[in-house]
Amino acid sequence: MRIAITGTPGTGKTTATELLEDRLADGESPIEDDALEVVHLNEVLEDEELYTAIDPDRESKIADLDALAERLANYEHAVIESHLAHHFEADRVVVLRCEPAQLEQRLLERGEREAKAGENAESEALDVVLAETVEEHGLESVYEIDTTDRDPEAVASELETVVAGDREPSAGEVDFVGYLE
């Protein structure tokens, strides 16, 4: 079983996944598969330098998706977390979502430039990651979670329901297109 947790930067992927990882390690989770590893893909990209270049305008690394896919082949039972996670094989894909104005504020508070934070907020309003995920994995494998007014503990609990198979797919339930008006 491979579960991908993806979403626009700032939606809470890393924080919620770390909480899920702690629950799995502490035996606090009802998930029975204790062999489930958590892979923070952005750390793998950094640590193993699996990128092809650096985009100077966005101040971000351009991932080598083929090298990452090859690296992920080592994980049969895993939760893979990253804004890139939906580009890889997975049985279930969770797309974390956040209201674009709040997302932009989160990114600014963590030090992102205004242009990059605005670009990500617009991307979130346009459902870019969700659309890519549905195209890659199909509606039957995609689970959408709105993190806007949820604390990280609640989001981690929602992730547990997906991992445990206790939740139905839910792509297309969140709508932020009004942000663009």
C-alpha atoms as a PDB file:
ATOM      1  CA  MET A   1       0.000   0.000   0.000  1.00  0.00           C
ATOM      2  CA  ARG A   2       1.371   3.374  -1.040  1.00  0.00           C
ATOM      3  CA  ILE A   3      -0.357   6.559   0.007  1.00  0.00           C
ATOM      4  CA  ALA A   4       0.681   9.926  -1.366  1.00  0.00           C
ATOM      5  CA  ILE A   5      -0.002  13.132   0.535  1.00  0.00           C
ATOM      6  CA  THR A   6       0.211  16.139  -1.736  1.00  0.00           C
ATOM      7  CA  GLY A   7      -1.041  19.688  -2.114  1.00  0.00           C
ATOM      8  CA  THR A   8       0.061  23.199  -2.848  1.00  0.00           C
ATOM      9  CA  PRO A   9       2.929  24.384  -0.621  1.00  0.00           C
ATOM     10  CA  GLY A  10       1.510  25.731   2.648  1.00  0.00           C
ATOM     11  CA  THR A  11      -1.502  23.426   2.939  1.00  0.00           C
ATOM     12  CA  GLY A  12      -0.038  21.586   5.942  1.00  0.00           C
ATOM     13  CA  LYS A  13       1.338  18.390   4.400  1.00  0.00           C
ATOM     14  CA  THR A  14       4.560  18.145   6.354  1.00  0.00           C
ATOM     15  CA  THR A  15       3.096  19.104   9.733  1.00  0.00           C
ATOM     16  CA  ALA A  16       0.126  16.727   9.499  1.00  0.00           C
ATOM     17  CA  THR A  17       2.252  13.891   8.110  1.00  0.00           C
ATOM     18  CA  GLU A  18       4.795  14.297  10.911  1.00  0.00           C
ATOM     19  CA  LEU A  19       1.946  13.975  13.427  1.00  0.00           C
ATOM     20  CA  LEU A  20       0.700  10.862  11.615  1.00  0.00           C
ATOM     21  CA  GLU A  21       4.251   9.490  11.645  1.00  0.00           C
ATOM     22  CA  ASP A  22       4.495  10.084  15.419  1.00  0.00           C
ATOM     23  CA  ARG A  23       1.181   8.283  15.970  1.00  0.00           C
ATOM     24  CA  LEU A  24       2.351   5.318  13.896  1.00  0.00           C
ATOM     25  CA  ALA A  25       5.678   5.159  15.774  1.00  0.00           C
ATOM     26  CA  ASP A  26       4.007   5.431  19.198  1.00  0.00           C
ATOM     27  CA  GLY A  27       1.409   2.795  18.413  1.00  0.00           C
ATOM     28  CA  GLU A  28      -1.304   5.424  19.012  1.00  0.00           C
ATOM     29  CA  SER A  29      -2.831   4.931  15.589  1.00  0.00           C
ATOM     30  CA  PRO A  30      -5.563   2.391  14.822  1.00  0.00           C
ATOM     31  CA  ILE A  31      -3.758   1.617  11.566  1.00  0.00           C
ATOM     32  CA  GLU A  32      -2.729  -2.024  11.702  1.00  0.00           C
ATOM     33  CA  ASP A  33       0.107  -1.890   9.163  1.00  0.00           C
ATOM     34  CA  ASP A  34       3.113  -1.170  11.366  1.00  0.00           C
ATOM     35  CA  ALA A  35       5.442  -1.685   8.373  1.00  0.00           C
ATOM     36  CA  LEU A  36       4.211   1.570   6.833  1.00  0.00           C
ATOM     37  CA  GLU A  37       7.160   3.920   6.325  1.00  0.00           C
ATOM     38  CA  VAL A  38       6.807   7.682   6.005  1.00  0.00           C
ATOM     39  CA  VAL A  39       8.890   9.300   3.271  1.00  0.00           C
ATOM     40  CA  HIS A  40       9.281  13.075   3.251  1.00  0.00           C
ATOM     41  CA  LEU A  41      10.121  13.371  -0.426  1.00  0.00           C
ATOM     42  CA  ASN A  42      11.444  16.935  -0.277  1.00  0.00           C
ATOM     43  CA  GLU A  43      14.072  15.757   2.244  1.00  0.00           C
ATOM     44  CA  VAL A  44      15.070  12.924  -0.102  1.00  0.00           C
ATOM     45  CA  LEU A  45      15.329  15.396  -2.982  1.00  0.00           C
ATOM     46  CA  GLU A  46      17.581  17.679  -0.902  1.00  0.00           C
ATOM     47  CA  ASP A  47      19.695  15.039   0.839  1.00  0.00           C
ATOM     48  CA  GLU A  48      20.352  13.010  -2.291  1.00  0.00           C
ATOM     49  CA  GLU A  49      20.444  16.006  -4.666  1.00  0.00           C
ATOM     50  CA  LEU A  50      17.780  14.535  -6.937  1.00  0.00           C
ATOM     51  CA  TYR A  51      17.186  17.708  -8.909  1.00  0.00           C
ATOM     52  CA  THR A  52      18.356  18.862 -12.305  1.00  0.00           C
ATOM     53  CA  ALA A  53      18.692  22.615 -11.785  1.00  0.00           C
ATOM     54  CA  ILE A  54      17.674  25.564  -9.638  1.00  0.00           C
ATOM     55  CA  ASP A  55      15.069  28.021 -10.910  1.00  0.00           C
ATOM     56  CA  PRO A  56      16.543  31.415  -9.970  1.00  0.00           C
ATOM     57  CA  ASP A  57      13.228  33.261 -10.387  1.00  0.00           C
ATOM     58  CA  ARG A  58      11.319  30.971  -8.031  1.00  0.00           C
ATOM     59  CA  GLU A  59      14.328  30.129  -5.864  1.00  0.00           C
ATOM     60  CA  SER A  60      13.388  26.443  -6.058  1.00  0.00           C
ATOM     61  CA  LYS A  61      14.955  23.215  -7.209  1.00  0.00           C
ATOM     62  CA  ILE A  62      13.683  21.479 -10.328  1.00  0.00           C
ATOM     63  CA  ALA A  63      13.086  17.891  -9.300  1.00  0.00           C
ATOM     64  CA  ASP A  64      14.434  14.976 -11.290  1.00  0.00           C
ATOM     65  CA  LEU A  65      11.153  13.030 -11.335  1.00  0.00           C
ATOM     66  CA  ASP A  66      12.743   9.968 -12.930  1.00  0.00           C
ATOM     67  CA  ALA A  67      15.432   9.758 -10.230  1.00  0.00           C
ATOM     68  CA  LEU A  68      12.806  10.251  -7.512  1.00  0.00           C
ATOM     69  CA  ALA A  69      10.618   7.513  -9.020  1.00  0.00           C
ATOM     70  CA  GLU A  70      13.589   5.171  -9.077  1.00  0.00           C
ATOM     71  CA  ARG A  71      14.335   6.012  -5.433  1.00  0.00           C
ATOM     72  CA  LEU A  72      10.692   5.446  -4.428  1.00  0.00           C
ATOM     73  CA  ALA A  73      10.727   1.982  -6.002  1.00  0.00           C
ATOM     74  CA  ASN A  74      12.317   0.859  -2.720  1.00  0.00           C
ATOM     75  CA  TYR A  75       9.096   1.577  -0.811  1.00  0.00           C
ATOM     76  CA  GLU A  76       6.197  -0.861  -1.172  1.00  0.00           C
ATOM     77  CA  HIS A  77       4.368   0.132   2.021  1.00  0.00           C
ATOM     78  CA  ALA A  78       4.733   3.864   2.507  1.00  0.00           C
ATOM     79  CA  VAL A  79       3.189   7.241   3.036  1.00  0.00           C
ATOM     80  CA  ILE A  80       4.913   9.646   0.641  1.00  0.00           C
ATOM     81  CA  GLU A  81       4.599  13.328   1.496  1.00  0.00           C
ATOM     82  CA  SER A  82       5.440  16.220  -0.834  1.00  0.00           C
ATOM     83  CA  HIS A  83       3.863  18.684  -3.224  1.00  0.00           C
ATOM     84  CA  LEU A  84       5.314  16.299  -5.836  1.00  0.00           C
ATOM     85  CA  ALA A  85       3.919  13.071  -4.353  1.00  0.00           C
ATOM     86  CA  HIS A  86       1.009  12.850  -6.803  1.00  0.00           C
ATOM     87  CA  HIS A  87       3.462  12.372  -9.679  1.00  0.00           C
ATOM     88  CA  PHE A  88       4.320   8.865  -8.455  1.00  0.00           C
ATOM     89  CA  GLU A  89       2.592   5.488  -8.147  1.00  0.00           C
ATOM     90  CA  ALA A  90       0.166   5.330  -5.241  1.00  0.00           C
ATOM     91  CA  ASP A  91      -2.925   3.385  -4.245  1.00  0.00           C
ATOM     92  CA  ARG A  92      -4.511   6.413  -2.582  1.00  0.00           C
ATOM     93  CA  VAL A  93      -3.680  10.085  -2.947  1.00  0.00           C
ATOM     94  CA  VAL A  94      -4.647  12.721  -0.399  1.00  0.00           C
ATOM     95  CA  VAL A  95      -4.739  16.299  -1.651  1.00  0.00           C
ATOM     96  CA  LEU A  96      -4.598  18.803   1.176  1.00  0.00           C
ATOM     97  CA  ARG A  97      -6.346  22.074   0.330  1.00  0.00           C
ATOM     98  CA  CYS A  98      -6.446  25.516   1.962  1.00  0.00           C
ATOM     99  CA  GLU A  99      -8.417  28.678   1.235  1.00  0.00           C
ATOM    100  CA  PRO A 100      -6.067  30.710  -1.006  1.00  0.00           C
ATOM    101  CA  ALA A 101      -5.924  33.929   1.075  1.00  0.00           C
ATOM    102  CA  GLN A 102      -5.074  31.897   4.189  1.00  0.00           C
ATOM    103  CA  LEU A 103      -2.583  29.829   2.201  1.00  0.00           C
ATOM    104  CA  GLU A 104      -0.876  33.001   0.987  1.00  0.00           C
ATOM    105  CA  GLN A 105      -0.689  34.301   4.562  1.00  0.00           C
ATOM    106  CA  ARG A 106       0.818  31.015   5.793  1.00  0.00           C
ATOM    107  CA  LEU A 107       3.495  31.188   3.105  1.00  0.00           C
ATOM    108  CA  LEU A 108       4.319  34.821   3.863  1.00  0.00           C
ATOM    109  CA  GLU A 109       4.604  34.018   7.571  1.00  0.00           C
ATOM    110  CA  ARG A 110       7.145  31.316   6.829  1.00  0.00           C
ATOM    111  CA  GLY A 111       9.252  33.719   4.776  1.00  0.00           C
ATOM    112  CA  GLU A 112       8.193  33.167   1.166  1.00  0.00           C
ATOM    113  CA  ARG A 113       8.381  36.099  -1.205  1.00  0.00           C
ATOM    114  CA  GLU A 114       5.091  37.838  -2.022  1.00  0.00           C
ATOM    115  CA  ALA A 115       5.242  36.827  -5.688  1.00  0.00           C
ATOM    116  CA  LYS A 116       5.747  33.142  -4.850  1.00  0.00           C
ATOM    117  CA  ALA A 117       3.054  33.175  -2.148  1.00  0.00           C
ATOM    118  CA  GLY A 118       0.616  34.835  -4.573  1.00  0.00           C
ATOM    119  CA  GLU A 119       1.445  32.351  -7.324  1.00  0.00           C
ATOM    120  CA  ASN A 120       0.770  29.443  -4.958  1.00  0.00           C
ATOM    121  CA  ALA A 121      -2.529  30.989  -3.780  1.00  0.00           C
ATOM    122  CA  GLU A 122      -3.649  31.361  -7.388  1.00  0.00           C
ATOM    123  CA  SER A 123      -2.593  27.785  -8.135  1.00  0.00           C
ATOM    124  CA  GLU A 124      -4.686  26.611  -5.177  1.00  0.00           C
ATOM    125  CA  ALA A 125      -7.733  28.564  -6.396  1.00  0.00           C
ATOM    126  CA  LEU A 126      -7.362  26.970  -9.827  1.00  0.00           C
ATOM    127  CA  ASP A 127      -7.161  23.411  -8.394  1.00  0.00           C
ATOM    128  CA  VAL A 128      -3.835  22.785 -10.141  1.00  0.00           C
ATOM    129  CA  VAL A 129      -2.576  20.003  -7.861  1.00  0.00           C
ATOM    130  CA  LEU A 130      -6.028  18.420  -7.604  1.00  0.00           C
ATOM    131  CA  ALA A 131      -6.446  18.391 -11.396  1.00  0.00           C
ATOM    132  CA  GLU A 132      -2.997  16.841 -11.910  1.00  0.00           C
ATOM    133  CA  THR A 133      -3.759  14.237  -9.247  1.00  0.00           C
ATOM    134  CA  VAL A 134      -7.124  13.228 -10.710  1.00  0.00           C
ATOM    135  CA  GLU A 135      -5.613  13.041 -14.193  1.00  0.00           C
ATOM    136  CA  GLU A 136      -2.783  10.810 -12.937  1.00  0.00           C
ATOM    137  CA  HIS A 137      -4.704   8.591 -10.479  1.00  0.00           C
ATOM    138  CA  GLY A 138      -8.428   8.830 -11.294  1.00  0.00           C
ATOM    139  CA  LEU A 139     -11.300  10.043  -9.120  1.00  0.00           C
ATOM    140  CA  GLU A 140     -11.578   6.673  -7.368  1.00  0.00           C
ATOM    141  CA  SER A 141      -8.161   7.095  -5.704  1.00  0.00           C
ATOM    142  CA  VAL A 142      -8.233  10.768  -4.658  1.00  0.00           C
ATOM    143  CA  TYR A 143      -9.161  12.105  -1.214  1.00  0.00           C
ATOM    144  CA  GLU A 144      -9.463  15.840  -0.658  1.00  0.00           C
ATOM    145  CA  ILE A 145      -9.052  17.386   2.821  1.00  0.00           C
ATOM    146  CA  ASP A 146      -9.685  21.089   3.450  1.00  0.00           C
ATOM    147  CA  THR A 147      -7.150  22.255   6.066  1.00  0.00           C
ATOM    148  CA  THR A 148      -8.375  25.864   6.178  1.00  0.00           C
ATOM    149  CA  ASP A 149     -10.008  25.845   9.607  1.00  0.00           C
ATOM    150  CA  ARG A 150      -8.509  22.638  10.998  1.00  0.00           C
ATOM    151  CA  ASP A 151      -5.603  22.302  13.358  1.00  0.00           C
ATOM    152  CA  PRO A 152      -2.803  19.905  12.369  1.00  0.00           C
ATOM    153  CA  GLU A 153      -4.029  17.225  14.823  1.00  0.00           C
ATOM    154  CA  ALA A 154      -7.439  17.141  13.106  1.00  0.00           C
ATOM    155  CA  VAL A 155      -5.800  16.936   9.684  1.00  0.00           C
ATOM    156  CA  ALA A 156      -3.593  14.057  10.898  1.00  0.00           C
ATOM    157  CA  SER A 157      -6.749  12.278  12.094  1.00  0.00           C
ATOM    158  CA  GLU A 158      -8.297  12.712   8.644  1.00  0.00           C
ATOM    159  CA  LEU A 159      -5.116  11.282   7.099  1.00  0.00           C
ATOM    160  CA  GLU A 160      -5.448   8.266   9.398  1.00  0.00           C
ATOM    161  CA  THR A 161      -8.944   7.575   8.058  1.00  0.00           C
ATOM    162  CA  VAL A 162      -7.614   7.524   4.497  1.00  0.00           C
ATOM    163  CA  VAL A 163      -4.623   5.336   5.359  1.00  0.00           C
ATOM    164  CA  ALA A 164      -6.869   2.925   7.269  1.00  0.00           C
ATOM    165  CA  GLY A 165      -9.333   2.740   4.356  1.00  0.00           C
ATOM    166  CA  ASP A 166     -12.158   4.170   6.458  1.00  0.00           C
ATOM    167  CA  ARG A 167     -12.981   7.062   4.135  1.00  0.00           C
ATOM    168  CA  GLU A 168     -14.484   7.256   0.659  1.00  0.00           C
ATOM    169  CA  PRO A 169     -12.709   9.121  -2.173  1.00  0.00           C
ATOM    170  CA  SER A 170     -13.739  12.757  -2.270  1.00  0.00           C
ATOM    171  CA  ALA A 171     -12.091  14.656  -5.131  1.00  0.00           C
ATOM    172  CA  GLY A 172     -13.841  17.818  -6.245  1.00  0.00           C
ATOM    173  CA  GLU A 173     -15.589  18.709  -2.992  1.00  0.00           C
ATOM    174  CA  VAL A 174     -13.503  21.816  -2.239  1.00  0.00           C
ATOM    175  CA  ASP A 175     -14.028  24.954  -4.337  1.00  0.00           C
ATOM    176  CA  PHE A 176     -11.890  28.073  -4.030  1.00  0.00           C
ATOM    177  CA  VAL A 177     -12.436  29.542  -7.504  1.00  0.00           C
ATOM    178  CA  GLY A 178     -14.272  32.522  -5.942  1.00  0.00           C
ATOM    179  CA  TYR A 179     -10.861  33.733  -4.746  1.00  0.00           C
ATOM    180  CA  LEU A 180     -10.059  34.753  -8.315  1.00  0.00           C
ATOM    181  CA  GLU A 181     -12.994  37.194  -8.602  1.00  0.00           C
END
